[in-house]
Amino acid sequence: MWVGISAVGCLRTDNGGKSWTHANKNTRAGFLPDPYPEFGQCIHRLLQHPTQPDVLYQQNHCGLYKSLNAGEDWIDVQSNLPSEFGFPIGLDPHHPETLYSVVEGEARNNIGEQFTVYRTQNAGEEWEALTHGLPSGPNVRLGVLRHGLCTDELDPCGVYVGTNTGQLFASNDRGDNWQLIADYLPTIYSVKATYLS
C-alpha cells in the first residue's frame, strides 16, 4: 500500500501498515534546501496502474512522475508539459498508458488564456494539449483541485474536470472534445463518475 501526503511525500508499507518506508527516490522538492530529499515532497495525487500493480503515477508540487517498481524509484514524465505544477491526474482504465493532467501556473490557474487538459498516450513520454470546447480568453482563470479530474469505466472513456470556480466539463471521447455540463456551482473539490446500464 502507498500513501501520498502533502509536505511528506510517498510512504509505502508491505505489511499492512505495521511499518512504513519513504518511497521518494528521484522525486524533486525544489522548495527545500536539498532538492531530492528522502522525504518532504508535496504529493498532490497518486494513482496505481489498473493491471500492473507495481506501476504508479504521481503529480506533485515539482513534477509528474512514474514508478515501474512499486515506488522504489521514480522517473520524471512531465517532458513537454508547460509547467511542473499541477494537482489532478487521471488514468484511462482501458488504455492505461493514457493519462490526463491539468498543470497550472504559480497563480494556481490555467497558464495563459486557454484552459487546457493534457493527455499522454505513451505513459508520459509526450503530452498533447486538449482544448476543443474548453474556454479561452483574457478573463479565463480556472484551477482544478486534487480530485477535480476523473475518468469513467466506458470505452472510449469519458473524462470529467471540475474547476475551483464551479464549472464542470465533460468529454465522451477520451478528451478530444469537451462540453460544459454544469456551471455556477460552488468550488468543485472532487469529481467522481459512474454509469448506469
N, C-alpha and C. Protein backbone atom coordinates (compact mmCIF):
# COMPACT_ATOMS: atom_id res chain seq x y z
N MET A 1 0.85 -1.16 0.00
CA MET A 1 0.00 0.00 0.00
C MET A 1 0.90 1.24 0.00
N TRP A 2 0.42 2.29 -0.66
CA TRP A 2 1.15 3.55 -0.71
C TRP A 2 0.24 4.67 -0.24
N VAL A 3 0.84 5.66 0.38
CA VAL A 3 0.12 6.85 0.81
C VAL A 3 0.92 8.05 0.35
N GLY A 4 0.25 9.00 -0.29
CA GLY A 4 0.89 10.25 -0.68
C GLY A 4 0.41 11.37 0.22
N ILE A 5 1.33 12.07 0.85
CA ILE A 5 0.98 13.12 1.81
C ILE A 5 1.67 14.41 1.41
N SER A 6 0.91 15.48 1.38
CA SER A 6 1.48 16.78 1.07
C SER A 6 2.48 17.17 2.14
N ALA A 7 3.67 17.60 1.72
CA ALA A 7 4.78 18.02 2.57
C ALA A 7 5.46 16.85 3.29
N VAL A 8 5.11 15.62 2.95
CA VAL A 8 5.77 14.43 3.49
C VAL A 8 6.33 13.58 2.35
N GLY A 9 5.52 13.36 1.32
CA GLY A 9 5.93 12.55 0.19
C GLY A 9 5.16 11.25 0.14
N CYS A 10 5.76 10.26 -0.50
CA CYS A 10 5.14 8.95 -0.66
C CYS A 10 5.68 8.00 0.40
N LEU A 11 4.78 7.29 1.05
CA LEU A 11 5.14 6.26 2.02
C LEU A 11 4.60 4.93 1.53
N ARG A 12 5.33 3.86 1.84
CA ARG A 12 4.96 2.52 1.38
C ARG A 12 5.00 1.55 2.55
N THR A 13 4.01 0.66 2.60
CA THR A 13 4.03 -0.44 3.56
C THR A 13 3.84 -1.75 2.81
N ASP A 14 4.59 -2.75 3.22
CA ASP A 14 4.46 -4.09 2.64
C ASP A 14 3.90 -5.08 3.66
N ASN A 15 3.48 -4.57 4.83
CA ASN A 15 3.00 -5.47 5.88
C ASN A 15 1.70 -4.96 6.51
N GLY A 16 0.86 -4.36 5.70
CA GLY A 16 -0.45 -3.94 6.20
C GLY A 16 -0.42 -2.75 7.12
N GLY A 17 0.62 -1.95 7.07
CA GLY A 17 0.69 -0.74 7.88
C GLY A 17 1.46 -0.88 9.18
N LYS A 18 2.06 -2.03 9.44
CA LYS A 18 2.84 -2.18 10.67
C LYS A 18 4.10 -1.33 10.63
N SER A 19 4.69 -1.22 9.45
CA SER A 19 5.86 -0.34 9.30
C SER A 19 5.78 0.33 7.93
N TRP A 20 6.41 1.49 7.83
CA TRP A 20 6.35 2.29 6.61
C TRP A 20 7.76 2.72 6.22
N THR A 21 7.99 2.83 4.91
CA THR A 21 9.26 3.37 4.41
C THR A 21 8.96 4.50 3.44
N HIS A 22 9.91 5.42 3.33
CA HIS A 22 9.79 6.51 2.36
C HIS A 22 9.99 5.95 0.96
N ALA A 23 9.23 6.45 0.01
CA ALA A 23 9.32 5.98 -1.39
C ALA A 23 9.36 7.20 -2.30
N ASN A 24 10.45 7.97 -2.21
CA ASN A 24 10.55 9.25 -2.91
C ASN A 24 11.80 9.40 -3.78
N LYS A 25 12.52 8.31 -4.02
CA LYS A 25 13.78 8.42 -4.75
C LYS A 25 13.56 9.01 -6.15
N ASN A 26 14.31 10.06 -6.45
CA ASN A 26 14.29 10.79 -7.73
C ASN A 26 13.10 11.72 -7.90
N THR A 27 12.32 11.97 -6.85
CA THR A 27 11.27 12.98 -6.94
C THR A 27 11.78 14.26 -6.29
N ARG A 28 11.48 15.37 -6.93
CA ARG A 28 12.06 16.65 -6.56
C ARG A 28 11.18 17.40 -5.57
N ALA A 29 11.83 18.13 -4.69
CA ALA A 29 11.19 19.09 -3.80
C ALA A 29 12.00 20.38 -3.92
N GLY A 30 11.80 21.10 -5.01
CA GLY A 30 12.61 22.26 -5.33
C GLY A 30 12.52 23.40 -4.35
N PHE A 31 11.57 23.34 -3.43
CA PHE A 31 11.39 24.38 -2.42
C PHE A 31 12.20 24.09 -1.15
N LEU A 32 12.90 22.95 -1.09
CA LEU A 32 13.72 22.60 0.07
C LEU A 32 15.20 22.80 -0.25
N PRO A 33 16.06 22.94 0.78
CA PRO A 33 17.50 23.12 0.52
C PRO A 33 18.10 21.97 -0.29
N ASP A 34 17.71 20.73 0.02
CA ASP A 34 18.13 19.57 -0.77
C ASP A 34 16.99 19.28 -1.75
N PRO A 35 17.18 19.48 -3.05
CA PRO A 35 16.06 19.32 -3.98
C PRO A 35 15.59 17.88 -4.16
N TYR A 36 16.37 16.89 -3.70
CA TYR A 36 15.96 15.48 -3.79
C TYR A 36 16.08 14.83 -2.41
N PRO A 37 15.26 15.26 -1.45
CA PRO A 37 15.38 14.72 -0.10
C PRO A 37 14.73 13.34 0.03
N GLU A 38 15.02 12.68 1.15
CA GLU A 38 14.39 11.38 1.42
C GLU A 38 12.88 11.55 1.62
N PHE A 39 12.50 12.66 2.24
CA PHE A 39 11.07 12.95 2.45
C PHE A 39 10.89 14.47 2.42
N GLY A 40 9.65 14.91 2.33
CA GLY A 40 9.34 16.33 2.29
C GLY A 40 8.70 16.77 0.98
N GLN A 41 8.55 15.84 0.03
CA GLN A 41 7.90 16.16 -1.23
C GLN A 41 6.42 16.47 -0.98
N CYS A 42 5.84 17.19 -1.89
CA CYS A 42 4.44 17.62 -1.75
C CYS A 42 3.61 16.90 -2.81
N ILE A 43 3.13 15.71 -2.48
CA ILE A 43 2.35 14.92 -3.44
C ILE A 43 0.92 15.45 -3.49
N HIS A 44 0.44 15.66 -4.70
CA HIS A 44 -0.92 16.14 -4.89
C HIS A 44 -1.87 15.02 -5.29
N ARG A 45 -1.38 14.02 -6.02
CA ARG A 45 -2.24 12.91 -6.45
C ARG A 45 -1.36 11.70 -6.75
N LEU A 46 -1.85 10.52 -6.37
CA LEU A 46 -1.12 9.27 -6.54
C LEU A 46 -2.09 8.24 -7.13
N LEU A 47 -1.70 7.60 -8.24
CA LEU A 47 -2.54 6.60 -8.91
C LEU A 47 -1.76 5.32 -9.16
N GLN A 48 -2.49 4.21 -9.15
CA GLN A 48 -1.91 2.90 -9.46
C GLN A 48 -2.45 2.41 -10.80
N HIS A 49 -1.59 1.84 -11.62
CA HIS A 49 -1.96 1.25 -12.91
C HIS A 49 -3.00 0.15 -12.65
N PRO A 50 -4.07 0.06 -13.45
CA PRO A 50 -5.14 -0.90 -13.15
C PRO A 50 -4.78 -2.37 -13.35
N THR A 51 -3.77 -2.67 -14.16
CA THR A 51 -3.43 -4.08 -14.40
C THR A 51 -1.99 -4.43 -14.06
N GLN A 52 -1.15 -3.43 -13.83
CA GLN A 52 0.24 -3.65 -13.44
C GLN A 52 0.46 -2.98 -12.08
N PRO A 53 0.24 -3.70 -10.98
CA PRO A 53 0.21 -3.07 -9.66
C PRO A 53 1.51 -2.40 -9.23
N ASP A 54 2.63 -2.72 -9.84
CA ASP A 54 3.88 -2.06 -9.47
C ASP A 54 4.09 -0.73 -10.18
N VAL A 55 3.20 -0.39 -11.12
CA VAL A 55 3.32 0.87 -11.85
C VAL A 55 2.45 1.93 -11.18
N LEU A 56 3.10 3.01 -10.75
CA LEU A 56 2.43 4.11 -10.06
C LEU A 56 2.70 5.41 -10.80
N TYR A 57 1.78 6.36 -10.63
CA TYR A 57 1.96 7.71 -11.16
C TYR A 57 1.69 8.69 -10.04
N GLN A 58 2.44 9.79 -10.02
CA GLN A 58 2.15 10.84 -9.05
C GLN A 58 2.36 12.21 -9.69
N GLN A 59 1.46 13.13 -9.31
CA GLN A 59 1.64 14.55 -9.61
C GLN A 59 2.01 15.19 -8.30
N ASN A 60 3.13 15.86 -8.27
CA ASN A 60 3.46 16.57 -7.04
C ASN A 60 3.77 18.02 -7.34
N HIS A 61 4.22 18.73 -6.34
CA HIS A 61 4.46 20.16 -6.46
C HIS A 61 5.53 20.47 -7.49
N CYS A 62 6.42 19.53 -7.73
CA CYS A 62 7.57 19.77 -8.61
C CYS A 62 7.68 18.73 -9.72
N GLY A 63 6.58 18.28 -10.26
CA GLY A 63 6.67 17.40 -11.41
C GLY A 63 5.65 16.28 -11.41
N LEU A 64 5.64 15.55 -12.52
CA LEU A 64 4.79 14.40 -12.71
C LEU A 64 5.71 13.20 -12.92
N TYR A 65 5.48 12.13 -12.15
CA TYR A 65 6.42 11.02 -12.09
C TYR A 65 5.72 9.69 -12.28
N LYS A 66 6.51 8.70 -12.72
CA LYS A 66 6.05 7.33 -12.88
C LYS A 66 7.05 6.41 -12.18
N SER A 67 6.55 5.39 -11.51
CA SER A 67 7.41 4.35 -10.94
C SER A 67 7.04 3.02 -11.60
N LEU A 68 8.04 2.26 -11.98
CA LEU A 68 7.83 0.94 -12.57
C LEU A 68 8.07 -0.18 -11.57
N ASN A 69 8.49 0.19 -10.34
CA ASN A 69 8.89 -0.81 -9.36
C ASN A 69 8.30 -0.53 -7.98
N ALA A 70 7.00 -0.24 -7.97
CA ALA A 70 6.25 -0.08 -6.72
C ALA A 70 6.76 1.05 -5.84
N GLY A 71 7.33 2.07 -6.45
CA GLY A 71 7.78 3.23 -5.69
C GLY A 71 9.21 3.18 -5.22
N GLU A 72 9.97 2.15 -5.62
CA GLU A 72 11.39 2.10 -5.24
C GLU A 72 12.12 3.33 -5.77
N ASP A 73 11.83 3.70 -7.00
CA ASP A 73 12.33 4.96 -7.54
C ASP A 73 11.33 5.47 -8.59
N TRP A 74 11.52 6.72 -9.00
CA TRP A 74 10.56 7.41 -9.85
C TRP A 74 11.26 8.00 -11.06
N ILE A 75 10.52 8.09 -12.17
CA ILE A 75 11.01 8.66 -13.42
C ILE A 75 10.18 9.90 -13.72
N ASP A 76 10.84 11.00 -14.05
CA ASP A 76 10.15 12.23 -14.42
C ASP A 76 9.49 12.04 -15.79
N VAL A 77 8.18 12.24 -15.88
CA VAL A 77 7.46 12.06 -17.14
C VAL A 77 6.71 13.32 -17.56
N GLN A 78 7.17 14.48 -17.10
CA GLN A 78 6.46 15.71 -17.47
C GLN A 78 6.88 16.23 -18.84
N SER A 79 7.95 15.72 -19.40
CA SER A 79 8.51 16.04 -20.72
C SER A 79 8.10 17.41 -21.24
N ASN A 80 7.15 17.48 -22.15
CA ASN A 80 6.82 18.74 -22.81
C ASN A 80 5.65 19.50 -22.17
N LEU A 81 5.31 19.20 -20.94
CA LEU A 81 4.26 19.98 -20.26
C LEU A 81 4.78 21.39 -19.97
N PRO A 82 3.90 22.40 -20.00
CA PRO A 82 4.36 23.78 -19.81
C PRO A 82 4.65 24.16 -18.37
N SER A 83 4.35 23.29 -17.42
CA SER A 83 4.60 23.58 -16.01
C SER A 83 4.81 22.26 -15.29
N GLU A 84 5.59 22.29 -14.22
CA GLU A 84 5.76 21.08 -13.41
C GLU A 84 4.69 20.98 -12.33
N PHE A 85 3.96 22.06 -12.10
CA PHE A 85 2.99 22.11 -11.02
C PHE A 85 1.60 21.74 -11.52
N GLY A 86 0.92 20.93 -10.75
CA GLY A 86 -0.47 20.59 -11.04
C GLY A 86 -1.04 19.82 -9.87
N PHE A 87 -2.32 19.64 -9.86
CA PHE A 87 -2.97 18.86 -8.81
C PHE A 87 -3.49 17.51 -9.32
N PRO A 88 -4.40 17.48 -10.31
CA PRO A 88 -5.04 16.21 -10.63
C PRO A 88 -4.34 15.44 -11.73
N ILE A 89 -4.48 14.13 -11.68
CA ILE A 89 -4.17 13.25 -12.80
C ILE A 89 -5.25 12.19 -12.86
N GLY A 90 -5.50 11.68 -14.04
CA GLY A 90 -6.48 10.62 -14.24
C GLY A 90 -5.93 9.60 -15.22
N LEU A 91 -6.48 8.40 -15.19
CA LEU A 91 -5.98 7.28 -15.98
C LEU A 91 -7.13 6.68 -16.78
N ASP A 92 -6.90 6.38 -18.05
CA ASP A 92 -7.89 5.69 -18.88
C ASP A 92 -7.85 4.21 -18.51
N PRO A 93 -8.93 3.64 -17.95
CA PRO A 93 -8.87 2.26 -17.47
C PRO A 93 -8.69 1.22 -18.57
N HIS A 94 -9.05 1.56 -19.81
CA HIS A 94 -8.92 0.61 -20.92
C HIS A 94 -7.62 0.78 -21.69
N HIS A 95 -7.00 1.92 -21.53
CA HIS A 95 -5.72 2.23 -22.19
C HIS A 95 -4.81 2.84 -21.14
N PRO A 96 -4.27 2.02 -20.23
CA PRO A 96 -3.59 2.56 -19.05
C PRO A 96 -2.28 3.28 -19.33
N GLU A 97 -1.85 3.35 -20.57
CA GLU A 97 -0.71 4.21 -20.90
C GLU A 97 -1.19 5.64 -21.17
N THR A 98 -2.52 5.83 -21.11
CA THR A 98 -3.12 7.15 -21.35
C THR A 98 -3.46 7.79 -20.02
N LEU A 99 -2.86 8.93 -19.76
CA LEU A 99 -3.11 9.71 -18.55
C LEU A 99 -3.57 11.10 -18.94
N TYR A 100 -4.25 11.75 -17.99
CA TYR A 100 -4.73 13.12 -18.15
C TYR A 100 -4.19 13.95 -17.00
N SER A 101 -3.89 15.20 -17.29
CA SER A 101 -3.38 16.11 -16.27
C SER A 101 -3.85 17.53 -16.58
N VAL A 102 -3.99 18.31 -15.55
CA VAL A 102 -4.19 19.76 -15.69
C VAL A 102 -3.05 20.41 -14.93
N VAL A 103 -2.10 20.99 -15.66
CA VAL A 103 -1.00 21.68 -15.00
C VAL A 103 -1.35 23.16 -14.90
N GLU A 104 -0.77 23.82 -13.91
CA GLU A 104 -1.14 25.19 -13.61
C GLU A 104 0.09 26.05 -13.41
N GLY A 105 -0.12 27.35 -13.46
CA GLY A 105 0.93 28.31 -13.20
C GLY A 105 1.01 28.65 -11.72
N GLU A 106 1.85 29.61 -11.39
CA GLU A 106 2.06 29.98 -9.99
C GLU A 106 0.80 30.50 -9.32
N ALA A 107 -0.12 31.07 -10.10
CA ALA A 107 -1.36 31.60 -9.52
C ALA A 107 -2.41 30.51 -9.31
N ARG A 108 -2.05 29.24 -9.55
CA ARG A 108 -2.93 28.09 -9.36
C ARG A 108 -4.12 28.11 -10.31
N ASN A 109 -3.89 28.59 -11.54
CA ASN A 109 -4.92 28.51 -12.57
C ASN A 109 -4.24 28.28 -13.91
N ASN A 110 -5.06 28.27 -14.98
CA ASN A 110 -4.52 27.94 -16.30
C ASN A 110 -3.37 28.86 -16.69
N ILE A 111 -2.48 28.33 -17.49
CA ILE A 111 -1.33 29.07 -17.99
C ILE A 111 -1.76 29.78 -19.27
N GLY A 112 -1.59 31.09 -19.32
CA GLY A 112 -2.04 31.84 -20.48
C GLY A 112 -3.54 32.01 -20.48
N GLU A 113 -4.11 32.18 -21.66
CA GLU A 113 -5.54 32.47 -21.78
C GLU A 113 -6.38 31.26 -22.14
N GLN A 114 -5.80 30.08 -22.22
CA GLN A 114 -6.52 28.87 -22.62
C GLN A 114 -6.55 27.86 -21.48
N PHE A 115 -7.75 27.45 -21.07
CA PHE A 115 -7.88 26.36 -20.12
C PHE A 115 -7.62 25.06 -20.88
N THR A 116 -6.70 24.24 -20.38
CA THR A 116 -6.22 23.08 -21.14
C THR A 116 -6.14 21.84 -20.26
N VAL A 117 -6.61 20.73 -20.79
CA VAL A 117 -6.35 19.41 -20.22
C VAL A 117 -5.27 18.79 -21.10
N TYR A 118 -4.31 18.12 -20.48
CA TYR A 118 -3.22 17.48 -21.22
C TYR A 118 -3.39 15.97 -21.18
N ARG A 119 -3.01 15.32 -22.28
CA ARG A 119 -3.12 13.86 -22.37
C ARG A 119 -1.81 13.28 -22.91
N THR A 120 -1.40 12.19 -22.31
CA THR A 120 -0.32 11.38 -22.88
C THR A 120 -0.92 10.03 -23.23
N GLN A 121 -0.51 9.48 -24.36
CA GLN A 121 -0.95 8.15 -24.75
C GLN A 121 0.20 7.15 -24.74
N ASN A 122 1.34 7.60 -24.18
CA ASN A 122 2.52 6.73 -24.10
C ASN A 122 3.19 6.86 -22.73
N ALA A 123 2.35 6.88 -21.69
CA ALA A 123 2.82 6.85 -20.29
C ALA A 123 3.75 8.00 -19.94
N GLY A 124 3.55 9.15 -20.56
CA GLY A 124 4.29 10.35 -20.18
C GLY A 124 5.47 10.70 -21.05
N GLU A 125 5.72 9.94 -22.11
CA GLU A 125 6.84 10.30 -22.99
C GLU A 125 6.60 11.62 -23.69
N GLU A 126 5.35 11.87 -24.10
CA GLU A 126 4.98 13.16 -24.67
C GLU A 126 3.52 13.44 -24.35
N TRP A 127 3.20 14.72 -24.25
CA TRP A 127 1.87 15.18 -23.87
C TRP A 127 1.30 16.05 -24.98
N GLU A 128 -0.03 15.99 -25.13
CA GLU A 128 -0.72 16.84 -26.09
C GLU A 128 -1.76 17.68 -25.37
N ALA A 129 -1.96 18.90 -25.86
CA ALA A 129 -2.95 19.81 -25.29
C ALA A 129 -4.32 19.50 -25.88
N LEU A 130 -5.31 19.36 -25.00
CA LEU A 130 -6.70 19.13 -25.41
C LEU A 130 -7.50 20.38 -25.07
N THR A 131 -7.99 21.08 -26.07
CA THR A 131 -8.65 22.37 -25.82
C THR A 131 -9.99 22.51 -26.52
N HIS A 132 -10.36 21.61 -27.42
CA HIS A 132 -11.57 21.79 -28.22
C HIS A 132 -12.81 21.76 -27.33
N GLY A 133 -13.47 22.90 -27.20
CA GLY A 133 -14.64 23.03 -26.36
C GLY A 133 -14.36 23.60 -24.98
N LEU A 134 -13.10 23.80 -24.64
CA LEU A 134 -12.74 24.40 -23.35
C LEU A 134 -12.57 25.91 -23.52
N PRO A 135 -12.85 26.68 -22.46
CA PRO A 135 -12.85 28.14 -22.60
C PRO A 135 -11.46 28.74 -22.76
N SER A 136 -11.44 29.88 -23.44
CA SER A 136 -10.21 30.65 -23.58
C SER A 136 -10.58 32.12 -23.59
N GLY A 137 -9.60 32.95 -23.32
CA GLY A 137 -9.80 34.40 -23.33
C GLY A 137 -9.05 35.05 -22.20
N PRO A 138 -8.95 36.38 -22.23
CA PRO A 138 -8.14 37.09 -21.23
C PRO A 138 -8.68 36.99 -19.80
N ASN A 139 -9.95 36.64 -19.63
CA ASN A 139 -10.53 36.55 -18.29
C ASN A 139 -10.68 35.11 -17.80
N VAL A 140 -10.18 34.15 -18.54
CA VAL A 140 -10.29 32.75 -18.14
C VAL A 140 -9.19 32.44 -17.12
N ARG A 141 -9.60 32.15 -15.90
CA ARG A 141 -8.68 31.82 -14.80
C ARG A 141 -9.28 30.64 -14.04
N LEU A 142 -9.07 29.44 -14.55
CA LEU A 142 -9.66 28.25 -13.95
C LEU A 142 -8.58 27.38 -13.34
N GLY A 143 -8.84 26.89 -12.16
CA GLY A 143 -7.95 25.95 -11.50
C GLY A 143 -8.71 24.66 -11.21
N VAL A 144 -7.97 23.58 -11.05
CA VAL A 144 -8.56 22.28 -10.76
C VAL A 144 -7.84 21.70 -9.54
N LEU A 145 -8.61 21.27 -8.56
CA LEU A 145 -8.04 20.75 -7.32
C LEU A 145 -7.68 19.26 -7.46
N ARG A 146 -7.09 18.69 -6.41
CA ARG A 146 -6.51 17.34 -6.45
C ARG A 146 -7.43 16.26 -7.01
N HIS A 147 -8.67 16.29 -6.60
CA HIS A 147 -9.62 15.25 -7.01
C HIS A 147 -10.63 15.79 -8.02
N GLY A 148 -10.28 16.87 -8.69
CA GLY A 148 -11.20 17.53 -9.62
C GLY A 148 -11.19 16.98 -11.03
N LEU A 149 -10.48 15.88 -11.28
CA LEU A 149 -10.46 15.25 -12.60
C LEU A 149 -10.67 13.75 -12.41
N CYS A 150 -11.53 13.16 -13.23
CA CYS A 150 -11.70 11.71 -13.16
C CYS A 150 -12.06 11.17 -14.54
N THR A 151 -11.96 9.86 -14.66
CA THR A 151 -12.38 9.15 -15.86
C THR A 151 -13.47 8.16 -15.47
N ASP A 152 -14.23 7.68 -16.47
CA ASP A 152 -15.23 6.66 -16.17
C ASP A 152 -14.77 5.30 -16.71
N GLU A 153 -15.64 4.31 -16.62
CA GLU A 153 -15.29 2.93 -17.00
C GLU A 153 -15.65 2.59 -18.44
N LEU A 154 -16.22 3.53 -19.18
CA LEU A 154 -16.65 3.25 -20.55
C LEU A 154 -15.45 3.17 -21.49
N ASP A 155 -15.68 2.61 -22.68
CA ASP A 155 -14.65 2.57 -23.71
C ASP A 155 -15.28 3.01 -25.03
N PRO A 156 -14.94 4.20 -25.54
CA PRO A 156 -13.89 5.10 -25.05
C PRO A 156 -14.30 5.75 -23.72
N CYS A 157 -13.30 6.03 -22.92
CA CYS A 157 -13.60 6.55 -21.58
C CYS A 157 -14.04 8.01 -21.65
N GLY A 158 -14.90 8.36 -20.72
CA GLY A 158 -15.25 9.75 -20.51
C GLY A 158 -14.26 10.38 -19.55
N VAL A 159 -14.02 11.66 -19.71
CA VAL A 159 -13.12 12.41 -18.83
C VAL A 159 -13.90 13.61 -18.32
N TYR A 160 -13.76 13.90 -17.02
CA TYR A 160 -14.56 14.94 -16.37
C TYR A 160 -13.63 15.82 -15.55
N VAL A 161 -13.85 17.14 -15.64
CA VAL A 161 -13.00 18.10 -14.93
C VAL A 161 -13.89 19.14 -14.27
N GLY A 162 -13.73 19.30 -12.96
CA GLY A 162 -14.45 20.34 -12.21
C GLY A 162 -13.47 21.40 -11.75
N THR A 163 -13.88 22.66 -11.83
CA THR A 163 -12.97 23.76 -11.54
C THR A 163 -13.24 24.39 -10.18
N ASN A 164 -12.27 25.16 -9.72
CA ASN A 164 -12.43 25.87 -8.45
C ASN A 164 -13.36 27.07 -8.57
N THR A 165 -13.84 27.36 -9.77
CA THR A 165 -14.82 28.42 -9.96
C THR A 165 -16.18 27.86 -10.37
N GLY A 166 -16.39 26.56 -10.23
CA GLY A 166 -17.71 25.97 -10.33
C GLY A 166 -18.19 25.52 -11.70
N GLN A 167 -17.27 25.29 -12.64
CA GLN A 167 -17.67 24.73 -13.93
C GLN A 167 -17.33 23.24 -13.96
N LEU A 168 -18.19 22.46 -14.61
CA LEU A 168 -17.95 21.04 -14.80
C LEU A 168 -17.93 20.75 -16.30
N PHE A 169 -16.78 20.27 -16.78
CA PHE A 169 -16.61 19.96 -18.19
C PHE A 169 -16.54 18.45 -18.36
N ALA A 170 -17.04 17.97 -19.51
CA ALA A 170 -17.03 16.53 -19.78
C ALA A 170 -16.63 16.27 -21.23
N SER A 171 -15.96 15.15 -21.42
CA SER A 171 -15.62 14.66 -22.75
C SER A 171 -16.02 13.20 -22.82
N ASN A 172 -16.73 12.81 -23.88
CA ASN A 172 -17.09 11.39 -24.02
C ASN A 172 -16.23 10.68 -25.05
N ASP A 173 -15.14 11.35 -25.48
CA ASP A 173 -14.26 10.75 -26.48
C ASP A 173 -12.78 10.85 -26.09
N ARG A 174 -12.50 10.50 -24.84
CA ARG A 174 -11.12 10.44 -24.33
C ARG A 174 -10.43 11.80 -24.32
N GLY A 175 -11.21 12.89 -24.27
CA GLY A 175 -10.62 14.22 -24.16
C GLY A 175 -10.49 14.98 -25.45
N ASP A 176 -10.87 14.39 -26.57
CA ASP A 176 -10.73 15.09 -27.85
C ASP A 176 -11.66 16.30 -27.94
N ASN A 177 -12.88 16.18 -27.43
CA ASN A 177 -13.88 17.26 -27.47
C ASN A 177 -14.51 17.41 -26.10
N TRP A 178 -14.76 18.66 -25.71
CA TRP A 178 -15.28 18.96 -24.38
C TRP A 178 -16.56 19.77 -24.48
N GLN A 179 -17.39 19.62 -23.44
CA GLN A 179 -18.56 20.49 -23.31
C GLN A 179 -18.77 20.83 -21.84
N LEU A 180 -19.30 22.01 -21.62
CA LEU A 180 -19.66 22.45 -20.27
C LEU A 180 -20.99 21.79 -19.92
N ILE A 181 -21.03 21.00 -18.84
CA ILE A 181 -22.28 20.32 -18.48
C ILE A 181 -22.91 20.90 -17.22
N ALA A 182 -22.18 21.72 -16.47
CA ALA A 182 -22.76 22.41 -15.31
C ALA A 182 -21.94 23.67 -15.05
N ASP A 183 -22.62 24.71 -14.58
CA ASP A 183 -21.95 25.99 -14.34
C ASP A 183 -22.54 26.62 -13.08
N TYR A 184 -21.87 27.59 -12.56
CA TYR A 184 -22.32 28.37 -11.39
C TYR A 184 -22.45 27.49 -10.15
N LEU A 185 -21.63 26.48 -10.05
CA LEU A 185 -21.58 25.65 -8.85
C LEU A 185 -20.58 26.28 -7.88
N PRO A 186 -20.60 25.88 -6.62
CA PRO A 186 -19.50 26.30 -5.74
C PRO A 186 -18.20 25.62 -6.16
N THR A 187 -17.13 25.93 -5.48
CA THR A 187 -15.84 25.29 -5.77
C THR A 187 -16.01 23.78 -5.82
N ILE A 188 -15.51 23.16 -6.88
CA ILE A 188 -15.62 21.71 -7.04
C ILE A 188 -14.33 21.08 -6.50
N TYR A 189 -14.47 20.36 -5.40
CA TYR A 189 -13.31 19.74 -4.76
C TYR A 189 -13.03 18.34 -5.30
N SER A 190 -14.07 17.66 -5.74
CA SER A 190 -13.91 16.27 -6.16
C SER A 190 -14.94 15.94 -7.24
N VAL A 191 -14.52 15.12 -8.20
CA VAL A 191 -15.41 14.66 -9.26
C VAL A 191 -15.30 13.14 -9.32
N LYS A 192 -16.43 12.45 -9.31
CA LYS A 192 -16.50 11.00 -9.48
C LYS A 192 -17.52 10.72 -10.56
N ALA A 193 -17.28 9.72 -11.38
CA ALA A 193 -18.20 9.38 -12.46
C ALA A 193 -18.59 7.92 -12.35
N THR A 194 -19.83 7.65 -12.67
CA THR A 194 -20.32 6.28 -12.77
C THR A 194 -21.34 6.25 -13.89
N TYR A 195 -21.73 5.08 -14.30
CA TYR A 195 -22.76 4.98 -15.33
C TYR A 195 -23.73 3.88 -14.94
N LEU A 196 -24.95 4.00 -15.41
CA LEU A 196 -25.98 3.02 -15.15
C LEU A 196 -26.25 2.27 -16.44
N SER A 197 -26.29 0.96 -16.37
CA SER A 197 -26.54 0.18 -17.58
C SER A 197 -27.99 -0.26 -17.66
